[in-house]
Each structure stands twice: as C-alpha cells, then as structure tokens.
C-alpha cells in the first residue's frame, strides 16, 4: 500500500497529493462489499442525470438543414444515381437502384418544398382584398376638348453594374411563390 500512496504523491494534484494508506484501504474495502439498496438507487439516479446531460449536448450539436444544404444534398443524390445508371452494365439493376434512392429521397424533397414555400415572399397584391364591382357611372355630356399629345416614351435601359449606382444592385430578389414571372420566357 505504501507503493500506491507514493505513486499517488508523485502524480500530485487534488486527491492524490494528500492521499494516505487509510484512504487506499478504505477504497479497496468499499469495492469488496456489496452496495446497499440506497447506494444502488443513488448510483442509478447519478447515471440518469448524466444521460440527461449527454442528451442536452446531442441536441446542441445536431446539424440543421438549410435550403441550400438540402438542395446540395439532393443534387449529390441525383449525381450518384446518374453515375450508377451510366456505369452499371446491367440496366435493370441501375433502374431499380434509382427507384429505391428516389423513394428514399421523397421526405427530403417534401421538406425542401415546405422550406421554400415558407421562405418565399408573397406579392403585395396578396395583401389586398379585391374591391366589389362598382356600378358604371352615367355618361355626362362634356364639351369637346382638343386631344392631348404626350411625348414618346424613351426606352428603359436595364440596370447593369456599369450604369447602376444603387447599393441594392447586388441583392438577389426573393422569389415570388406560386406566381409566374412575366419576364420569364423560358418556361413557355
């Protein structure tokens, strides 16, 4: 026991530098005796408290899906299935693989759709109620007036980095959900 105490003193630190032979004997004796019911209950409670602390740590370090991460993951899954389709000499097997992967990705695609729907900006007209149809007013006779001529409209030049001074030029627009873009001619 003297060797154990000497070794503890060489390690040093709290609990080791002040260790005595009686402490070592008590520790050895405590492991030889069976624990009481109260000690077992206390050890069980301590273990559960430690497990709860571990669960809290797990929730803090869990990764979070963002729209960009989810898009990238789904793109990688598409690349993987395409790679198998291109490389596998047995077409039936590669088609089966693609089908299984696509079925497995359904929850992720639904999650992406719901995330995109909640992130979209609604058009301003969505916040207005349509006005009730008004009755047409009676035509009154008015004295004849000469027609008004307006100057011809000048064409509008699109904003480019060269002719724009606005600080908003680098900001990408928020997509309008559920509405067709009138400027988008590719979809027709």
N, C-alpha and C. Protein backbone atom coordinates (compact mmCIF):
# COMPACT_ATOMS: atom_id res chain seq x y z
N UNK A 1 0.82 -1.20 0.00
CA UNK A 1 0.00 0.00 0.00
C UNK A 1 0.87 1.26 0.00
N UNK A 2 2.03 1.11 0.60
CA UNK A 2 2.94 2.25 0.64
C UNK A 2 3.33 2.65 -0.78
N UNK A 3 3.51 1.68 -1.67
CA UNK A 3 3.86 1.99 -3.06
C UNK A 3 2.73 2.76 -3.75
N UNK A 4 1.48 2.39 -3.46
CA UNK A 4 0.33 3.08 -4.06
C UNK A 4 0.29 4.52 -3.61
N UNK A 5 0.51 4.75 -2.31
CA UNK A 5 0.49 6.11 -1.77
C UNK A 5 1.64 6.92 -2.37
N UNK A 6 2.83 6.32 -2.47
CA UNK A 6 3.97 7.03 -3.07
C UNK A 6 3.69 7.40 -4.53
N UNK A 7 3.09 6.47 -5.26
CA UNK A 7 2.74 6.73 -6.66
C UNK A 7 1.72 7.87 -6.77
N UNK A 8 0.74 7.89 -5.87
CA UNK A 8 -0.27 8.95 -5.87
C UNK A 8 0.38 10.30 -5.58
N UNK A 9 1.35 10.32 -4.67
CA UNK A 9 2.04 11.57 -4.34
C UNK A 9 2.87 12.07 -5.52
N UNK A 10 3.46 11.15 -6.30
CA UNK A 10 4.25 11.59 -7.46
C UNK A 10 3.35 12.15 -8.56
N UNK A 11 2.12 11.61 -8.67
CA UNK A 11 1.18 12.14 -9.66
C UNK A 11 0.80 13.55 -9.25
N UNK A 12 0.54 13.76 -7.97
CA UNK A 12 0.18 15.07 -7.46
C UNK A 12 -1.22 15.47 -7.85
N UNK A 13 -1.59 16.67 -7.52
CA UNK A 13 -2.91 17.17 -7.86
C UNK A 13 -3.93 16.87 -6.77
N UNK A 14 -5.13 17.36 -6.98
CA UNK A 14 -6.19 17.22 -5.99
C UNK A 14 -6.56 15.76 -5.80
N UNK A 15 -6.59 15.30 -4.55
CA UNK A 15 -6.95 13.93 -4.24
C UNK A 15 -5.78 12.97 -4.25
N UNK A 16 -4.69 13.33 -4.91
CA UNK A 16 -3.52 12.44 -4.96
C UNK A 16 -2.43 12.88 -3.99
N UNK A 17 -2.17 14.17 -3.90
CA UNK A 17 -1.07 14.65 -3.07
C UNK A 17 -1.33 14.45 -1.58
N UNK A 18 -2.60 14.41 -1.16
CA UNK A 18 -2.90 14.24 0.26
C UNK A 18 -3.44 12.84 0.60
N UNK A 19 -3.23 11.86 -0.28
CA UNK A 19 -3.72 10.51 -0.07
C UNK A 19 -2.91 9.80 1.03
N UNK A 20 -3.63 9.02 1.84
CA UNK A 20 -2.99 8.24 2.91
C UNK A 20 -3.25 6.76 2.70
N UNK A 21 -2.54 5.92 3.51
CA UNK A 21 -2.74 4.48 3.41
C UNK A 21 -4.16 4.10 3.84
N UNK A 22 -4.73 4.84 4.77
CA UNK A 22 -6.10 4.57 5.22
C UNK A 22 -7.10 4.80 4.07
N UNK A 23 -6.86 5.85 3.26
CA UNK A 23 -7.73 6.12 2.10
C UNK A 23 -7.69 4.96 1.11
N UNK A 24 -6.50 4.43 0.88
CA UNK A 24 -6.34 3.31 -0.05
C UNK A 24 -7.05 2.08 0.50
N UNK A 25 -6.87 1.80 1.80
CA UNK A 25 -7.50 0.62 2.42
C UNK A 25 -9.02 0.76 2.36
N UNK A 26 -9.55 1.95 2.62
CA UNK A 26 -11.00 2.18 2.58
C UNK A 26 -11.54 1.98 1.18
N UNK A 27 -10.82 2.44 0.19
CA UNK A 27 -11.24 2.29 -1.20
C UNK A 27 -11.27 0.82 -1.61
N UNK A 28 -10.25 0.07 -1.20
CA UNK A 28 -10.20 -1.35 -1.53
C UNK A 28 -11.34 -2.09 -0.82
N UNK A 29 -11.58 -1.77 0.44
CA UNK A 29 -12.66 -2.43 1.19
C UNK A 29 -14.03 -2.10 0.61
N UNK A 30 -14.21 -0.87 0.13
CA UNK A 30 -15.52 -0.48 -0.41
C UNK A 30 -15.87 -1.26 -1.67
N UNK A 31 -14.88 -1.67 -2.43
CA UNK A 31 -15.15 -2.45 -3.64
C UNK A 31 -15.41 -3.90 -3.32
N UNK A 32 -14.96 -4.38 -2.18
CA UNK A 32 -15.18 -5.77 -1.80
C UNK A 32 -16.58 -5.99 -1.27
N UNK A 33 -17.19 -5.00 -0.64
CA UNK A 33 -18.52 -5.14 -0.06
C UNK A 33 -19.58 -4.82 -1.10
N UNK A 34 -20.73 -5.50 -0.97
CA UNK A 34 -21.83 -5.22 -1.90
C UNK A 34 -22.48 -3.90 -1.51
N UNK A 35 -22.90 -3.12 -2.51
CA UNK A 35 -23.52 -1.83 -2.18
C UNK A 35 -24.90 -2.03 -1.57
N UNK A 36 -25.29 -1.08 -0.73
CA UNK A 36 -26.62 -1.13 -0.12
C UNK A 36 -27.66 -0.68 -1.14
N UNK A 37 -28.93 -0.89 -0.82
CA UNK A 37 -30.02 -0.51 -1.71
C UNK A 37 -29.98 1.00 -1.97
N UNK A 38 -29.72 1.77 -0.92
CA UNK A 38 -29.66 3.22 -1.07
C UNK A 38 -28.54 3.63 -2.03
N UNK A 39 -27.39 2.95 -1.91
CA UNK A 39 -26.27 3.27 -2.80
C UNK A 39 -26.60 2.93 -4.25
N UNK A 40 -27.30 1.82 -4.47
CA UNK A 40 -27.69 1.43 -5.83
C UNK A 40 -28.65 2.46 -6.41
N UNK A 41 -29.63 2.89 -5.62
CA UNK A 41 -30.58 3.91 -6.08
C UNK A 41 -29.85 5.20 -6.42
N UNK A 42 -28.91 5.59 -5.55
CA UNK A 42 -28.15 6.81 -5.79
C UNK A 42 -27.32 6.71 -7.06
N UNK A 43 -26.66 5.55 -7.28
CA UNK A 43 -25.86 5.36 -8.49
C UNK A 43 -26.75 5.42 -9.74
N UNK A 44 -27.95 4.83 -9.66
CA UNK A 44 -28.88 4.84 -10.78
C UNK A 44 -29.32 6.27 -11.10
N UNK A 45 -29.63 7.06 -10.06
CA UNK A 45 -30.03 8.45 -10.27
C UNK A 45 -28.88 9.26 -10.88
N UNK A 46 -27.66 9.00 -10.41
CA UNK A 46 -26.50 9.70 -10.96
C UNK A 46 -26.30 9.36 -12.43
N UNK A 47 -26.50 8.07 -12.78
CA UNK A 47 -26.37 7.66 -14.18
C UNK A 47 -27.41 8.34 -15.05
N UNK A 48 -28.66 8.41 -14.56
CA UNK A 48 -29.73 9.05 -15.35
C UNK A 48 -29.47 10.53 -15.50
N UNK A 49 -28.97 11.17 -14.47
CA UNK A 49 -28.65 12.60 -14.57
C UNK A 49 -27.54 12.81 -15.59
N UNK A 50 -26.58 11.92 -15.63
CA UNK A 50 -25.51 12.00 -16.62
C UNK A 50 -26.03 11.78 -18.02
N UNK A 51 -26.99 10.85 -18.20
CA UNK A 51 -27.58 10.60 -19.51
C UNK A 51 -28.35 11.81 -19.99
N UNK A 52 -29.08 12.48 -19.08
CA UNK A 52 -29.83 13.68 -19.47
C UNK A 52 -28.88 14.77 -19.93
N UNK A 53 -27.75 14.91 -19.26
CA UNK A 53 -26.77 15.92 -19.66
C UNK A 53 -26.20 15.58 -21.03
N UNK A 54 -25.99 14.29 -21.31
CA UNK A 54 -25.49 13.88 -22.62
C UNK A 54 -26.51 14.18 -23.71
N UNK A 55 -27.81 13.98 -23.43
CA UNK A 55 -28.85 14.26 -24.42
C UNK A 55 -28.90 15.74 -24.73
N UNK A 56 -28.70 16.59 -23.72
CA UNK A 56 -28.67 18.03 -23.96
C UNK A 56 -27.52 18.39 -24.89
N UNK A 57 -26.37 17.74 -24.70
CA UNK A 57 -25.22 18.01 -25.56
C UNK A 57 -25.52 17.60 -26.99
N UNK A 58 -26.24 16.47 -27.17
CA UNK A 58 -26.55 15.99 -28.51
C UNK A 58 -27.45 16.97 -29.26
N UNK A 59 -28.43 17.56 -28.57
CA UNK A 59 -29.35 18.46 -29.25
C UNK A 59 -28.65 19.75 -29.68
N UNK A 60 -27.62 20.14 -28.94
CA UNK A 60 -26.93 21.38 -29.29
C UNK A 60 -26.04 21.20 -30.51
N UNK A 61 -25.53 19.99 -30.73
CA UNK A 61 -24.59 19.79 -31.82
C UNK A 61 -25.23 19.19 -33.06
N UNK A 62 -26.52 18.99 -33.07
CA UNK A 62 -27.17 18.42 -34.25
C UNK A 62 -27.10 19.40 -35.41
N UNK A 63 -26.82 18.88 -36.59
CA UNK A 63 -26.79 19.78 -37.75
C UNK A 63 -28.20 20.26 -38.10
N UNK A 64 -28.28 21.41 -38.70
CA UNK A 64 -29.56 22.00 -39.08
C UNK A 64 -29.62 22.05 -40.60
N UNK A 65 -30.76 21.62 -41.15
CA UNK A 65 -30.96 21.71 -42.59
C UNK A 65 -31.27 23.15 -42.97
N UNK A 66 -30.59 23.62 -43.98
CA UNK A 66 -30.95 24.89 -44.60
C UNK A 66 -31.39 24.55 -46.01
N UNK A 67 -32.03 25.49 -46.66
CA UNK A 67 -32.48 25.25 -48.03
C UNK A 67 -31.28 24.93 -48.92
N UNK A 68 -30.20 25.67 -48.75
CA UNK A 68 -29.02 25.46 -49.58
C UNK A 68 -28.41 24.09 -49.33
N UNK A 69 -28.28 23.69 -48.06
CA UNK A 69 -27.71 22.37 -47.75
C UNK A 69 -28.57 21.26 -48.33
N UNK A 70 -29.88 21.40 -48.18
CA UNK A 70 -30.79 20.37 -48.67
C UNK A 70 -30.74 20.27 -50.20
N UNK A 71 -30.69 21.41 -50.87
CA UNK A 71 -30.56 21.39 -52.34
C UNK A 71 -29.27 20.70 -52.76
N UNK A 72 -28.18 21.02 -52.07
CA UNK A 72 -26.89 20.40 -52.41
C UNK A 72 -26.92 18.89 -52.19
N UNK A 73 -27.51 18.46 -51.08
CA UNK A 73 -27.60 17.02 -50.81
C UNK A 73 -28.44 16.31 -51.86
N UNK A 74 -29.57 16.90 -52.23
CA UNK A 74 -30.42 16.28 -53.25
C UNK A 74 -29.71 16.27 -54.61
N UNK A 75 -28.96 17.31 -54.92
CA UNK A 75 -28.20 17.34 -56.17
C UNK A 75 -27.14 16.23 -56.17
N UNK A 76 -26.47 16.04 -55.04
CA UNK A 76 -25.47 14.97 -54.94
C UNK A 76 -26.12 13.60 -55.08
N UNK A 77 -27.32 13.44 -54.53
CA UNK A 77 -28.03 12.16 -54.68
C UNK A 77 -28.38 11.92 -56.15
N UNK A 78 -28.80 12.96 -56.85
CA UNK A 78 -29.07 12.83 -58.29
C UNK A 78 -27.80 12.46 -59.06
N UNK A 79 -26.69 13.10 -58.69
CA UNK A 79 -25.42 12.78 -59.35
C UNK A 79 -25.03 11.33 -59.10
N UNK A 80 -25.27 10.85 -57.89
CA UNK A 80 -24.94 9.46 -57.55
C UNK A 80 -25.77 8.48 -58.37
N UNK A 81 -27.07 8.71 -58.45
CA UNK A 81 -27.91 7.80 -59.22
C UNK A 81 -27.56 7.85 -60.70
N UNK A 82 -27.21 9.03 -61.19
CA UNK A 82 -26.80 9.16 -62.59
C UNK A 82 -25.49 8.40 -62.84
N UNK A 83 -24.58 8.47 -61.88
CA UNK A 83 -23.31 7.75 -62.00
C UNK A 83 -23.55 6.24 -62.06
N UNK A 84 -24.42 5.73 -61.20
CA UNK A 84 -24.73 4.30 -61.23
C UNK A 84 -25.41 3.92 -62.54
N UNK A 85 -26.31 4.76 -63.01
CA UNK A 85 -27.00 4.47 -64.27
C UNK A 85 -26.02 4.43 -65.43
N UNK A 86 -25.06 5.34 -65.44
CA UNK A 86 -24.08 5.39 -66.52
C UNK A 86 -23.07 4.25 -66.45
N UNK A 87 -22.68 3.84 -65.25
CA UNK A 87 -21.59 2.88 -65.09
C UNK A 87 -22.03 1.43 -64.99
N UNK A 88 -23.25 1.19 -64.54
CA UNK A 88 -23.69 -0.19 -64.32
C UNK A 88 -24.03 -0.85 -65.65
N UNK A 89 -23.41 -1.99 -65.97
CA UNK A 89 -23.70 -2.66 -67.24
C UNK A 89 -25.08 -3.32 -67.26
N UNK A 90 -25.66 -3.56 -66.09
CA UNK A 90 -26.98 -4.18 -66.03
C UNK A 90 -28.00 -3.07 -65.79
N UNK A 91 -28.72 -2.71 -66.85
CA UNK A 91 -29.64 -1.58 -66.80
C UNK A 91 -30.76 -1.80 -65.79
N UNK A 92 -31.27 -2.99 -65.70
CA UNK A 92 -32.37 -3.27 -64.78
C UNK A 92 -31.96 -2.99 -63.34
N UNK A 93 -30.75 -3.37 -62.98
CA UNK A 93 -30.25 -3.15 -61.62
C UNK A 93 -30.09 -1.66 -61.34
N UNK A 94 -29.57 -0.90 -62.30
CA UNK A 94 -29.37 0.53 -62.09
C UNK A 94 -30.71 1.27 -62.00
N UNK A 95 -31.70 0.81 -62.76
CA UNK A 95 -33.03 1.43 -62.68
C UNK A 95 -33.65 1.15 -61.32
N UNK A 96 -33.48 -0.07 -60.83
CA UNK A 96 -34.00 -0.43 -59.51
C UNK A 96 -33.32 0.42 -58.43
N UNK A 97 -32.01 0.60 -58.56
CA UNK A 97 -31.26 1.43 -57.62
C UNK A 97 -31.80 2.86 -57.62
N UNK A 98 -32.00 3.42 -58.81
CA UNK A 98 -32.51 4.79 -58.92
C UNK A 98 -33.89 4.91 -58.29
N UNK A 99 -34.74 3.92 -58.52
CA UNK A 99 -36.09 3.94 -57.96
C UNK A 99 -36.05 3.92 -56.43
N UNK A 100 -35.20 3.06 -55.87
CA UNK A 100 -35.10 2.96 -54.41
C UNK A 100 -34.57 4.26 -53.81
N UNK A 101 -33.55 4.84 -54.45
CA UNK A 101 -32.99 6.10 -53.95
C UNK A 101 -34.03 7.21 -54.05
N UNK A 102 -34.74 7.29 -55.17
CA UNK A 102 -35.77 8.32 -55.33
C UNK A 102 -36.86 8.19 -54.28
N UNK A 103 -37.27 6.96 -53.98
CA UNK A 103 -38.28 6.75 -52.94
C UNK A 103 -37.76 7.17 -51.58
N UNK A 104 -36.48 6.91 -51.32
CA UNK A 104 -35.89 7.31 -50.05
C UNK A 104 -35.74 8.82 -49.91
N UNK A 105 -35.66 9.52 -51.03
CA UNK A 105 -35.47 10.97 -51.00
C UNK A 105 -36.79 11.75 -50.92
N UNK A 106 -37.91 11.07 -51.03
CA UNK A 106 -39.21 11.76 -51.02
C UNK A 106 -39.38 12.64 -49.78
N UNK A 107 -39.11 12.15 -48.55
CA UNK A 107 -39.28 13.04 -47.39
C UNK A 107 -38.39 14.28 -47.45
N UNK A 108 -37.19 14.12 -47.99
CA UNK A 108 -36.28 15.27 -48.09
C UNK A 108 -36.77 16.28 -49.13
N UNK A 109 -37.32 15.78 -50.23
CA UNK A 109 -37.86 16.68 -51.25
C UNK A 109 -39.08 17.43 -50.71
N UNK A 110 -39.92 16.74 -49.93
CA UNK A 110 -41.08 17.41 -49.33
C UNK A 110 -40.63 18.46 -48.32
N UNK A 111 -39.60 18.14 -47.55
CA UNK A 111 -39.07 19.11 -46.60
C UNK A 111 -38.54 20.34 -47.32
N UNK A 112 -37.84 20.12 -48.42
CA UNK A 112 -37.32 21.24 -49.20
C UNK A 112 -38.46 22.10 -49.74
N UNK A 113 -39.50 21.46 -50.27
CA UNK A 113 -40.64 22.22 -50.80
C UNK A 113 -41.29 23.07 -49.71
N UNK A 114 -41.48 22.50 -48.53
CA UNK A 114 -42.12 23.27 -47.46
C UNK A 114 -41.21 24.39 -46.97
N UNK A 115 -39.90 24.14 -46.93
CA UNK A 115 -38.98 25.21 -46.53
C UNK A 115 -38.97 26.34 -47.55
N UNK A 116 -39.00 26.00 -48.83
CA UNK A 116 -39.02 27.02 -49.87
C UNK A 116 -40.33 27.80 -49.85
N UNK A 117 -41.43 27.11 -49.58
CA UNK A 117 -42.72 27.79 -49.54
C UNK A 117 -42.78 28.79 -48.39
N UNK A 118 -42.20 28.43 -47.26
CA UNK A 118 -42.24 29.35 -46.12
C UNK A 118 -41.23 30.48 -46.27
N UNK A 119 -40.24 30.32 -47.14
CA UNK A 119 -39.23 31.35 -47.32
C UNK A 119 -39.57 32.32 -48.44
N UNK A 120 -40.62 32.06 -49.20
CA UNK A 120 -40.95 32.90 -50.35
C UNK A 120 -41.68 34.17 -49.91
N UNK A 121 -41.44 35.21 -50.65
CA UNK A 121 -42.11 36.48 -50.41
C UNK A 121 -43.38 36.52 -51.23
N UNK A 122 -44.48 36.87 -50.58
CA UNK A 122 -45.75 36.97 -51.30
C UNK A 122 -45.80 38.30 -52.04
N UNK A 123 -46.49 38.32 -53.17
CA UNK A 123 -46.61 39.60 -53.88
C UNK A 123 -47.49 40.55 -53.07
N UNK A 124 -47.30 41.82 -53.25
CA UNK A 124 -48.03 42.81 -52.48
C UNK A 124 -49.54 42.72 -52.71
N UNK A 125 -49.93 42.26 -53.90
CA UNK A 125 -51.37 42.15 -54.18
C UNK A 125 -52.04 41.08 -53.33
N UNK A 126 -51.28 40.17 -52.75
CA UNK A 126 -51.87 39.13 -51.91
C UNK A 126 -52.42 39.71 -50.61
N UNK A 127 -52.00 40.91 -50.24
CA UNK A 127 -52.45 41.52 -49.00
C UNK A 127 -53.66 42.43 -49.18
N UNK A 128 -54.13 42.61 -50.40
CA UNK A 128 -55.28 43.47 -50.67
C UNK A 128 -56.49 42.62 -51.04
N UNK A 129 -57.65 43.05 -50.57
CA UNK A 129 -58.89 42.39 -50.96
C UNK A 129 -59.38 43.03 -52.24
N UNK A 130 -59.93 42.23 -53.14
CA UNK A 130 -60.45 42.84 -54.37
C UNK A 130 -61.65 43.72 -54.03
N UNK A 131 -61.75 44.86 -54.71
CA UNK A 131 -62.85 45.77 -54.45
C UNK A 131 -64.11 45.22 -55.12
N UNK A 132 -65.26 45.45 -54.50
CA UNK A 132 -66.50 44.96 -55.12
C UNK A 132 -66.74 45.69 -56.44
N UNK A 133 -67.41 45.01 -57.34
CA UNK A 133 -67.68 45.59 -58.65
C UNK A 133 -68.55 46.83 -58.46
N UNK A 134 -68.08 47.94 -58.96
CA UNK A 134 -68.85 49.17 -58.82
C UNK A 134 -69.77 49.32 -60.02
N UNK A 135 -70.86 50.03 -59.81
CA UNK A 135 -71.80 50.26 -60.89
C UNK A 135 -71.24 51.34 -61.80
N UNK A 136 -71.38 51.17 -63.10
CA UNK A 136 -70.82 52.18 -64.00
C UNK A 136 -71.56 53.51 -63.83
N UNK A 137 -70.82 54.57 -63.87
CA UNK A 137 -71.40 55.90 -63.73
C UNK A 137 -72.07 56.30 -65.04
N UNK A 138 -73.11 57.16 -64.91
CA UNK A 138 -73.80 57.64 -66.10
C UNK A 138 -72.88 58.58 -66.85
N UNK A 139 -72.98 58.50 -68.18
CA UNK A 139 -72.16 59.38 -69.00
C UNK A 139 -72.81 60.76 -69.04
N UNK A 140 -71.99 61.72 -68.77
CA UNK A 140 -72.45 63.10 -68.88
C UNK A 140 -71.86 63.68 -70.15
N UNK A 141 -72.62 64.57 -70.75
CA UNK A 141 -72.08 65.20 -71.95
C UNK A 141 -71.08 66.25 -71.51
N UNK A 142 -69.93 66.21 -72.12
CA UNK A 142 -68.88 67.18 -71.79
C UNK A 142 -68.53 67.94 -73.05
N UNK A 143 -68.09 69.15 -72.88
CA UNK A 143 -67.71 69.90 -74.06
C UNK A 143 -66.48 69.26 -74.72
N UNK A 144 -66.43 69.38 -75.99
CA UNK A 144 -65.33 68.78 -76.74
C UNK A 144 -64.03 69.48 -76.39
N UNK A 145 -63.01 68.70 -76.14
CA UNK A 145 -61.70 69.27 -75.83
C UNK A 145 -60.71 68.74 -76.85
N UNK A 146 -59.73 69.53 -77.16
CA UNK A 146 -58.76 69.06 -78.15
C UNK A 146 -57.95 67.89 -77.55
N UNK A 147 -57.54 66.95 -78.39
CA UNK A 147 -56.77 65.81 -77.87
C UNK A 147 -55.42 66.27 -77.33
N UNK A 148 -54.99 65.62 -76.29
CA UNK A 148 -53.71 65.95 -75.66
C UNK A 148 -52.65 65.02 -76.24
N UNK A 149 -51.56 65.59 -76.63
CA UNK A 149 -50.48 64.77 -77.17
C UNK A 149 -49.43 64.59 -76.09
N UNK A 150 -48.93 63.38 -75.99
CA UNK A 150 -47.89 63.10 -75.00
C UNK A 150 -46.60 62.78 -75.72
N UNK A 151 -45.49 63.12 -75.12
CA UNK A 151 -44.22 62.83 -75.78
C UNK A 151 -43.99 61.32 -75.82
N UNK A 152 -43.24 60.89 -76.81
CA UNK A 152 -42.96 59.46 -76.97
C UNK A 152 -42.13 58.97 -75.79
N UNK A 153 -42.40 57.75 -75.38
CA UNK A 153 -41.66 57.17 -74.25
C UNK A 153 -40.25 56.79 -74.69
N UNK A 154 -39.32 57.04 -73.80
CA UNK A 154 -37.94 56.65 -74.04
C UNK A 154 -37.76 55.21 -73.55
N UNK A 155 -37.00 54.40 -74.29
CA UNK A 155 -36.79 53.03 -73.83
C UNK A 155 -36.01 53.00 -72.52
N UNK A 156 -36.36 52.06 -71.68
CA UNK A 156 -35.70 51.93 -70.38
C UNK A 156 -34.50 51.00 -70.55
N UNK A 157 -33.36 51.46 -70.08
CA UNK A 157 -32.15 50.61 -70.16
C UNK A 157 -32.09 49.74 -68.91
N UNK A 158 -31.84 48.44 -69.09
CA UNK A 158 -31.74 47.59 -67.91
C UNK A 158 -30.53 47.97 -67.07
N UNK A 159 -30.66 47.75 -65.78
CA UNK A 159 -29.57 48.10 -64.87
C UNK A 159 -28.44 47.11 -65.02
N UNK A 160 -27.26 47.63 -65.21
CA UNK A 160 -26.06 46.80 -65.28
C UNK A 160 -25.07 47.38 -64.28
N UNK A 161 -24.03 46.63 -63.94
CA UNK A 161 -23.06 47.19 -62.98
C UNK A 161 -22.43 48.48 -63.47
N UNK A 162 -22.39 48.70 -64.80
CA UNK A 162 -21.78 49.91 -65.33
C UNK A 162 -22.65 51.14 -65.14
N UNK A 163 -23.98 50.99 -65.29
CA UNK A 163 -24.84 52.17 -65.24
C UNK A 163 -25.68 52.24 -63.97
N UNK A 164 -25.36 51.47 -62.96
CA UNK A 164 -26.14 51.46 -61.72
C UNK A 164 -25.33 52.07 -60.60
N UNK A 165 -25.99 52.91 -59.82
CA UNK A 165 -25.32 53.49 -58.66
C UNK A 165 -25.99 53.04 -57.38
N UNK A 166 -27.01 52.23 -57.49
CA UNK A 166 -27.75 51.79 -56.31
C UNK A 166 -26.96 50.74 -55.55
N UNK A 167 -27.07 50.78 -54.24
CA UNK A 167 -26.40 49.77 -53.41
C UNK A 167 -27.18 48.47 -53.41
N UNK A 168 -28.38 48.47 -53.93
CA UNK A 168 -29.22 47.27 -53.94
C UNK A 168 -28.96 46.41 -55.16
N UNK A 169 -28.06 46.81 -56.04
CA UNK A 169 -27.87 46.06 -57.28
C UNK A 169 -27.31 44.67 -57.05
N UNK A 170 -26.61 44.44 -55.94
CA UNK A 170 -26.03 43.13 -55.69
C UNK A 170 -26.97 42.20 -54.93
N UNK A 171 -28.11 42.70 -54.51
CA UNK A 171 -29.04 41.88 -53.73
C UNK A 171 -29.90 41.08 -54.69
N UNK A 172 -29.97 39.77 -54.45
CA UNK A 172 -30.81 38.94 -55.31
C UNK A 172 -32.25 39.03 -54.84
N UNK A 173 -33.21 39.03 -55.76
CA UNK A 173 -34.61 39.18 -55.36
C UNK A 173 -35.10 37.92 -54.66
N UNK A 174 -36.09 38.10 -53.80
CA UNK A 174 -36.74 36.97 -53.14
C UNK A 174 -37.77 36.42 -54.11
N UNK A 175 -37.79 35.11 -54.32
CA UNK A 175 -38.72 34.57 -55.30
C UNK A 175 -40.17 34.73 -54.86
N UNK A 176 -41.03 35.01 -55.83
CA UNK A 176 -42.45 35.08 -55.57
C UNK A 176 -43.02 33.69 -55.76
N UNK A 177 -43.63 33.14 -54.74
CA UNK A 177 -44.10 31.76 -54.79
C UNK A 177 -45.46 31.67 -55.44
N UNK A 178 -45.60 30.71 -56.31
CA UNK A 178 -46.89 30.43 -56.90
C UNK A 178 -47.31 31.40 -57.99
N UNK A 179 -46.44 32.29 -58.40
CA UNK A 179 -46.79 33.26 -59.41
C UNK A 179 -45.78 33.19 -60.53
N UNK A 180 -46.26 33.25 -61.75
CA UNK A 180 -45.37 33.20 -62.90
C UNK A 180 -44.69 34.54 -63.06
N UNK A 181 -43.46 34.50 -63.44
CA UNK A 181 -42.69 35.70 -63.70
C UNK A 181 -43.00 36.14 -65.13
N UNK A 182 -43.58 37.33 -65.33
CA UNK A 182 -43.93 37.76 -66.68
C UNK A 182 -42.70 37.94 -67.56
N UNK A 183 -41.54 38.17 -66.97
CA UNK A 183 -40.32 38.33 -67.76
C UNK A 183 -39.70 37.00 -68.13
N UNK A 184 -40.17 35.91 -67.55
CA UNK A 184 -39.58 34.59 -67.79
C UNK A 184 -40.20 33.98 -69.03
N UNK A 185 -39.47 34.04 -70.13
CA UNK A 185 -39.98 33.50 -71.39
C UNK A 185 -39.50 32.08 -71.63
N UNK A 186 -38.57 31.59 -70.81
CA UNK A 186 -38.04 30.23 -70.98
C UNK A 186 -39.07 29.18 -70.64
N UNK A 187 -39.99 29.47 -69.72
CA UNK A 187 -40.94 28.46 -69.26
C UNK A 187 -42.06 28.21 -70.25
N UNK A 188 -42.21 29.07 -71.25
CA UNK A 188 -43.31 28.89 -72.20
C UNK A 188 -42.90 28.05 -73.37
